[in-house]
Amino acid sequence: MQPMPSFKFPDDAFGDRFNLADLPLPRTAAGYAVQRLGTDTLLDRSSASFLSVRAIQLQALFETFDAAHAAASDWLIRQSITHEDHGLAIVPANFDPLMQRHVLIYGVLCGQP
């Protein structure tokens, strides 16, 4: 029995690839997050589900764009959603220890990344 071929979503399926160090951000970004467009929800690394930025248990920061891309791709495959209709974007984010919540930096609140 041959292994199933894995599907690779295009590099720009969740917005243009970016390097946090190269962005002129108004706030420091600690990592990459996968945002559901039009919401304040981010993909949680532990549960692989979308949670509000206010959720205490949310662990949304990925160290690399590639790690965020892989997590978004896995979520789409599990949901049986195509990359054309997914509504996800990879965005810079941080965690505010004082507020105890994630902060979107240039999060996408419209329908296109």
Protein backbone atom coordinates (compact mmCIF):
# COMPACT_ATOMS: atom_id res chain seq x y z
CA MET A 1 0.00 0.00 0.00
CA GLN A 2 1.46 3.35 -1.07
CA PRO A 3 1.37 6.34 1.27
CA MET A 4 -1.15 9.03 0.40
CA PRO A 5 0.48 12.00 -1.32
CA SER A 6 0.42 15.06 0.89
CA PHE A 7 -1.16 18.23 -0.45
CA LYS A 8 0.90 21.41 -0.25
CA PHE A 9 -0.93 24.72 -0.21
CA PRO A 10 0.76 27.54 -2.15
CA ASP A 11 3.26 29.67 -0.20
CA ASP A 12 0.92 32.67 -0.48
CA ALA A 13 -2.28 30.79 0.43
CA PHE A 14 -2.52 32.73 3.71
CA GLY A 15 -1.10 36.05 2.53
CA ASP A 16 2.34 37.05 1.32
CA ARG A 17 5.31 35.45 3.06
CA PHE A 18 6.99 37.88 5.46
CA ASN A 19 9.85 37.98 7.93
CA LEU A 20 9.01 39.61 11.27
CA ALA A 21 12.45 41.23 11.49
CA ASP A 22 11.88 43.01 8.17
CA LEU A 23 8.49 44.57 9.02
CA PRO A 24 8.19 48.16 10.27
CA LEU A 25 5.72 47.24 13.02
CA PRO A 26 4.20 49.71 15.50
CA ARG A 27 4.62 47.08 18.26
CA THR A 28 7.05 44.22 18.70
CA ALA A 29 5.85 40.90 17.30
CA ALA A 30 6.85 37.75 19.18
CA GLY A 31 5.68 35.36 16.48
CA TYR A 32 3.36 34.45 13.65
CA ALA A 33 -0.31 33.67 14.23
CA VAL A 34 -3.04 32.20 12.03
CA GLN A 35 -6.09 34.45 12.14
CA ARG A 36 -9.59 33.67 10.98
CA LEU A 37 -10.46 36.66 8.80
CA GLY A 38 -13.02 39.09 10.11
CA THR A 39 -12.65 37.80 13.69
CA ASP A 40 -10.38 38.13 16.69
CA THR A 41 -9.76 34.37 16.75
CA LEU A 42 -6.39 32.71 16.33
CA LEU A 43 -5.41 29.10 15.71
CA ASP A 44 -4.39 27.47 18.98
CA ARG A 45 -1.25 25.31 18.70
CA SER A 46 -2.43 22.87 21.37
CA SER A 47 -6.02 22.16 20.34
CA ALA A 48 -5.70 23.04 16.63
CA SER A 49 -8.92 25.03 16.91
CA PHE A 50 -9.67 28.74 16.71
CA LEU A 51 -9.97 30.58 20.02
CA SER A 52 -10.56 34.22 20.92
CA VAL A 53 -7.46 36.31 21.63
CA ARG A 54 -8.98 36.71 25.12
CA ALA A 55 -8.97 32.95 25.82
CA ILE A 56 -6.58 32.16 28.69
CA GLN A 57 -5.62 28.78 27.20
CA LEU A 58 -4.74 30.19 23.74
CA GLN A 59 -1.22 29.36 22.56
CA ALA A 60 -1.18 31.05 19.16
CA LEU A 61 2.40 32.11 18.45
CA PHE A 62 4.42 30.16 15.92
CA GLU A 63 8.18 30.72 15.67
CA THR A 64 8.29 30.72 11.87
CA PHE A 65 6.07 31.57 8.94
CA ASP A 66 6.50 27.97 7.75
CA ALA A 67 5.24 26.56 11.06
CA ALA A 68 2.16 28.82 10.90
CA HIS A 69 1.62 27.86 7.25
CA ALA A 70 1.80 24.15 8.11
CA ALA A 71 -0.69 24.55 10.98
CA ALA A 72 -3.12 26.51 8.78
CA SER A 73 -2.77 23.89 6.04
CA ASP A 74 -3.44 21.04 8.47
CA TRP A 75 -6.53 22.82 9.80
CA LEU A 76 -7.89 23.30 6.27
CA ILE A 77 -7.29 19.66 5.37
CA ARG A 78 -9.12 18.50 8.54
CA GLN A 79 -12.03 20.84 7.71
CA SER A 80 -12.09 19.78 4.02
CA ILE A 81 -11.86 23.42 2.95
CA THR A 82 -10.04 24.50 -0.21
CA HIS A 83 -7.34 27.14 -0.11
CA GLU A 84 -9.49 29.42 -2.28
CA ASP A 85 -12.31 29.58 0.28
CA HIS A 86 -10.51 29.33 3.60
CA GLY A 87 -10.67 32.81 5.16
CA LEU A 88 -7.34 32.50 7.02
CA ALA A 89 -4.31 34.80 7.17
CA ILE A 90 -0.89 34.57 8.79
CA VAL A 91 -0.31 37.74 10.80
CA PRO A 92 2.31 39.12 13.20
CA ALA A 93 1.23 38.84 16.83
CA ASN A 94 2.44 39.18 20.38
CA PHE A 95 1.41 38.19 23.88
CA ASP A 96 0.78 40.98 26.38
CA PRO A 97 1.73 39.67 29.84
CA LEU A 98 -0.02 42.53 31.63
CA MET A 99 -3.35 41.96 29.86
CA GLN A 100 -2.74 38.18 29.71
CA ARG A 101 -3.88 37.95 26.09
CA HIS A 102 -2.62 37.79 22.54
CA VAL A 103 -2.41 40.99 20.54
CA LEU A 104 -2.90 41.16 16.78
CA ILE A 105 -0.38 43.41 15.07
CA TYR A 106 -1.73 44.29 11.66
CA GLY A 107 -4.43 41.66 12.00
CA VAL A 108 -6.75 41.29 9.04
CA LEU A 109 -10.35 42.24 9.76
CA CYS A 110 -11.60 42.27 6.17
CA GLY A 111 -12.21 39.36 3.81
CA GLN A 112 -8.81 39.35 2.04
CA PRO A 113 -5.28 38.86 3.44
